[in-house]
Amino acid sequence: MANAIYPLYKQALLDGSSNIDVNDGTVRAALVDTGTYTYSSAHEFLSSLSGVVGTAGVIGTTTVTNGVFDGDNVTYTAVSGATVEALVIYIDTGVAGTSRLVAYIDTGVTGLPVTPNGGDITITWNASGIFAL
């Protein structure tokens, strides 16, 4: 699967829905095992996401310049479980049913070095220019 902006996020942007601003909201990146999660264009909120490996990291200092999203690096420590084949970026409200999914990032396509198989593994991801809105 290639990288994708969730279509319902795009629709929410056009509709002016709540919880859409990656500059003002708490933006997180979840490491995902695609053996237990399959991307769907029908997914809109975090409640649709399964296969999360470890704790989602906060992407600080988020910006969108000329349509390109950027943010601080995210470091994951003590990741355990299956391998990570994808990242899902979402705007966290503290409630899974309203935390809006923004982007699905296939680590095979982007070449991100995320292959934890248990233990104390640290993974650093640089969000710079990873997707365009």
C-alpha atoms as a PDB file:
ATOM      1  CA  MET A   1       0.000   0.000   0.000  1.00  0.00           C
ATOM      2  CA  ALA A   2       1.335   3.415  -0.858  1.00  0.00           C
ATOM      3  CA  ASN A   3       1.184   6.454   1.421  1.00  0.00           C
ATOM      4  CA  ALA A   4      -2.248   8.069   1.616  1.00  0.00           C
ATOM      5  CA  ILE A   5      -4.091  10.949   3.203  1.00  0.00           C
ATOM      6  CA  TYR A   6      -7.311   9.485   4.613  1.00  0.00           C
ATOM      7  CA  PRO A   7     -10.113  10.633   2.246  1.00  0.00           C
ATOM      8  CA  LEU A   8     -12.474  11.420   5.142  1.00  0.00           C
ATOM      9  CA  TYR A   9      -9.809  13.764   6.559  1.00  0.00           C
ATOM     10  CA  LYS A  10      -9.706  15.558   3.200  1.00  0.00           C
ATOM     11  CA  GLN A  11     -13.498  15.771   3.251  1.00  0.00           C
ATOM     12  CA  ALA A  12     -13.427  17.151   6.803  1.00  0.00           C
ATOM     13  CA  LEU A  13     -10.960  19.834   5.673  1.00  0.00           C
ATOM     14  CA  LEU A  14     -13.282  20.890   2.866  1.00  0.00           C
ATOM     15  CA  ASP A  15     -16.345  20.801   5.128  1.00  0.00           C
ATOM     16  CA  GLY A  16     -14.631  22.809   7.868  1.00  0.00           C
ATOM     17  CA  SER A  17     -15.351  20.054  10.391  1.00  0.00           C
ATOM     18  CA  SER A  18     -13.951  20.103  13.908  1.00  0.00           C
ATOM     19  CA  ASN A  19     -10.600  18.608  14.862  1.00  0.00           C
ATOM     20  CA  ILE A  20      -8.837  19.086  11.516  1.00  0.00           C
ATOM     21  CA  ASP A  21      -5.992  21.511  12.252  1.00  0.00           C
ATOM     22  CA  VAL A  22      -2.590  19.818  12.461  1.00  0.00           C
ATOM     23  CA  ASN A  23      -1.070  23.126  13.590  1.00  0.00           C
ATOM     24  CA  ASP A  24      -3.255  23.568  16.682  1.00  0.00           C
ATOM     25  CA  GLY A  25      -4.195  20.020  17.703  1.00  0.00           C
ATOM     26  CA  THR A  26      -2.122  17.334  19.407  1.00  0.00           C
ATOM     27  CA  VAL A  27      -0.760  15.335  16.485  1.00  0.00           C
ATOM     28  CA  ARG A  28       0.437  11.772  17.125  1.00  0.00           C
ATOM     29  CA  ALA A  29       2.092   9.058  15.066  1.00  0.00           C
ATOM     30  CA  ALA A  30       1.141   5.456  15.812  1.00  0.00           C
ATOM     31  CA  LEU A  31       3.337   2.526  14.789  1.00  0.00           C
ATOM     32  CA  VAL A  32       1.130  -0.073  13.116  1.00  0.00           C
ATOM     33  CA  ASP A  33       1.429  -3.798  12.383  1.00  0.00           C
ATOM     34  CA  THR A  34      -0.308  -4.345   9.042  1.00  0.00           C
ATOM     35  CA  GLY A  35      -0.851  -7.981   9.946  1.00  0.00           C
ATOM     36  CA  THR A  36      -3.672  -6.752  12.184  1.00  0.00           C
ATOM     37  CA  TYR A  37      -4.630  -3.481  10.465  1.00  0.00           C
ATOM     38  CA  THR A  38      -5.588  -2.917   6.870  1.00  0.00           C
ATOM     39  CA  TYR A  39      -5.873   0.617   5.528  1.00  0.00           C
ATOM     40  CA  SER A  40      -9.376   1.580   4.436  1.00  0.00           C
ATOM     41  CA  SER A  41     -10.525   4.821   2.837  1.00  0.00           C
ATOM     42  CA  ALA A  42     -13.653   4.475   5.005  1.00  0.00           C
ATOM     43  CA  HIS A  43     -11.681   4.889   8.251  1.00  0.00           C
ATOM     44  CA  GLU A  44     -12.094   8.290   9.871  1.00  0.00           C
ATOM     45  CA  PHE A  45     -11.249   8.064  13.571  1.00  0.00           C
ATOM     46  CA  LEU A  46      -8.731   6.330  15.833  1.00  0.00           C
ATOM     47  CA  SER A  47     -11.470   3.906  16.911  1.00  0.00           C
ATOM     48  CA  SER A  48     -11.051   2.236  13.471  1.00  0.00           C
ATOM     49  CA  LEU A  49      -7.324   1.665  13.994  1.00  0.00           C
ATOM     50  CA  SER A  50      -6.077  -1.709  15.183  1.00  0.00           C
ATOM     51  CA  GLY A  51      -2.616  -3.229  15.321  1.00  0.00           C
ATOM     52  CA  VAL A  52      -0.967  -0.333  17.163  1.00  0.00           C
ATOM     53  CA  VAL A  53       2.450  -1.397  18.466  1.00  0.00           C
ATOM     54  CA  GLY A  54       3.587   0.577  21.514  1.00  0.00           C
ATOM     55  CA  THR A  55       2.458   4.044  22.534  1.00  0.00           C
ATOM     56  CA  ALA A  56       1.741   6.635  19.853  1.00  0.00           C
ATOM     57  CA  GLY A  57       4.293   9.455  19.900  1.00  0.00           C
ATOM     58  CA  VAL A  58       3.477  13.148  19.879  1.00  0.00           C
ATOM     59  CA  ILE A  59       4.741  15.117  16.877  1.00  0.00           C
ATOM     60  CA  GLY A  60       5.641  18.515  18.293  1.00  0.00           C
ATOM     61  CA  THR A  61       5.997  21.845  16.502  1.00  0.00           C
ATOM     62  CA  THR A  62       3.810  20.875  13.562  1.00  0.00           C
ATOM     63  CA  THR A  63       3.595  23.135  10.534  1.00  0.00           C
ATOM     64  CA  VAL A  64       2.160  23.062   7.054  1.00  0.00           C
ATOM     65  CA  THR A  65       4.082  25.184   4.566  1.00  0.00           C
ATOM     66  CA  ASN A  66       3.037  25.237   0.913  1.00  0.00           C
ATOM     67  CA  GLY A  67       0.965  22.122   1.580  1.00  0.00           C
ATOM     68  CA  VAL A  68       3.839  20.110   3.090  1.00  0.00           C
ATOM     69  CA  PHE A  69       3.487  18.812   6.649  1.00  0.00           C
ATOM     70  CA  ASP A  70       6.506  18.968   8.965  1.00  0.00           C
ATOM     71  CA  GLY A  71       7.085  18.296  12.632  1.00  0.00           C
ATOM     72  CA  ASP A  72       9.622  17.337  15.260  1.00  0.00           C
ATOM     73  CA  ASN A  73      11.203  13.898  15.314  1.00  0.00           C
ATOM     74  CA  VAL A  74       9.390  11.220  17.290  1.00  0.00           C
ATOM     75  CA  THR A  75      11.343   8.642  19.280  1.00  0.00           C
ATOM     76  CA  TYR A  76       9.751   5.360  20.331  1.00  0.00           C
ATOM     77  CA  THR A  77      11.376   3.399  23.126  1.00  0.00           C
ATOM     78  CA  ALA A  78      10.635  -0.069  24.456  1.00  0.00           C
ATOM     79  CA  VAL A  79       8.545  -1.040  21.451  1.00  0.00           C
ATOM     80  CA  SER A  80       7.337  -4.607  21.710  1.00  0.00           C
ATOM     81  CA  GLY A  81       5.229  -6.870  19.583  1.00  0.00           C
ATOM     82  CA  ALA A  82       5.114  -7.587  15.901  1.00  0.00           C
ATOM     83  CA  THR A  83       6.984  -5.737  13.207  1.00  0.00           C
ATOM     84  CA  VAL A  84       5.955  -2.251  12.200  1.00  0.00           C
ATOM     85  CA  GLU A  85       5.099  -1.755   8.551  1.00  0.00           C
ATOM     86  CA  ALA A  86       3.210   1.521   8.745  1.00  0.00           C
ATOM     87  CA  LEU A  87       2.685   4.758  10.635  1.00  0.00           C
ATOM     88  CA  VAL A  88      -0.682   6.412  11.100  1.00  0.00           C
ATOM     89  CA  ILE A  89      -0.781  10.121  11.861  1.00  0.00           C
ATOM     90  CA  TYR A  90      -3.844  11.364  13.727  1.00  0.00           C
ATOM     91  CA  ILE A  91      -5.108  14.393  15.662  1.00  0.00           C
ATOM     92  CA  ASP A  92      -5.598  13.273  19.264  1.00  0.00           C
ATOM     93  CA  THR A  93      -8.608  14.535  21.225  1.00  0.00           C
ATOM     94  CA  GLY A  94      -8.215  12.018  24.022  1.00  0.00           C
ATOM     95  CA  VAL A  95     -11.241  10.112  22.707  1.00  0.00           C
ATOM     96  CA  ALA A  96     -10.748   7.399  20.070  1.00  0.00           C
ATOM     97  CA  GLY A  97     -14.136   8.119  18.467  1.00  0.00           C
ATOM     98  CA  THR A  98     -13.209  11.767  17.704  1.00  0.00           C
ATOM     99  CA  SER A  99      -9.422  11.521  17.148  1.00  0.00           C
ATOM    100  CA  ARG A 100      -9.278  12.096  13.394  1.00  0.00           C
ATOM    101  CA  LEU A 101      -7.011   9.945  11.184  1.00  0.00           C
ATOM    102  CA  VAL A 102      -4.887  12.109   8.885  1.00  0.00           C
ATOM    103  CA  ALA A 103      -2.370   9.981   7.003  1.00  0.00           C
ATOM    104  CA  TYR A 104      -1.279   6.384   6.459  1.00  0.00           C
ATOM    105  CA  ILE A 105       2.437   6.005   5.790  1.00  0.00           C
ATOM    106  CA  ASP A 106       3.800   2.727   4.431  1.00  0.00           C
ATOM    107  CA  THR A 107       7.302   2.317   5.864  1.00  0.00           C
ATOM    108  CA  GLY A 108       8.310   0.152   2.898  1.00  0.00           C
ATOM    109  CA  VAL A 109       7.537   3.011   0.507  1.00  0.00           C
ATOM    110  CA  THR A 110       9.209   5.694   2.625  1.00  0.00           C
ATOM    111  CA  GLY A 111      12.150   3.536   3.735  1.00  0.00           C
ATOM    112  CA  LEU A 112      11.652   4.404   7.404  1.00  0.00           C
ATOM    113  CA  PRO A 113      13.773   2.135   9.628  1.00  0.00           C
ATOM    114  CA  VAL A 114      11.071   0.634  11.831  1.00  0.00           C
ATOM    115  CA  THR A 115      11.393  -3.101  12.437  1.00  0.00           C
ATOM    116  CA  PRO A 116      10.949  -3.717  16.163  1.00  0.00           C
ATOM    117  CA  ASN A 117      10.595  -7.326  17.281  1.00  0.00           C
ATOM    118  CA  GLY A 118      10.335  -6.894  21.019  1.00  0.00           C
ATOM    119  CA  GLY A 119      12.835  -5.703  23.593  1.00  0.00           C
ATOM    120  CA  ASP A 120      14.124  -2.206  24.165  1.00  0.00           C
ATOM    121  CA  ILE A 121      14.387  -0.736  20.698  1.00  0.00           C
ATOM    122  CA  THR A 122      14.467   2.973  19.992  1.00  0.00           C
ATOM    123  CA  ILE A 123      13.060   4.198  16.710  1.00  0.00           C
ATOM    124  CA  THR A 124      13.393   7.786  15.539  1.00  0.00           C
ATOM    125  CA  TRP A 125      11.207   9.079  12.761  1.00  0.00           C
ATOM    126  CA  ASN A 126      11.663  12.407  11.042  1.00  0.00           C
ATOM    127  CA  ALA A 127       8.322  13.728   9.864  1.00  0.00           C
ATOM    128  CA  SER A 128       9.862  16.380   7.628  1.00  0.00           C
ATOM    129  CA  GLY A 129       8.145  16.487   4.259  1.00  0.00           C
ATOM    130  CA  ILE A 130       6.752  12.974   4.626  1.00  0.00           C
ATOM    131  CA  PHE A 131       3.432  13.849   3.001  1.00  0.00           C
ATOM    132  CA  ALA A 132       1.715  16.749   1.287  1.00  0.00           C
ATOM    133  CA  LEU A 133      -1.803  17.874   2.138  1.00  0.00           C
END
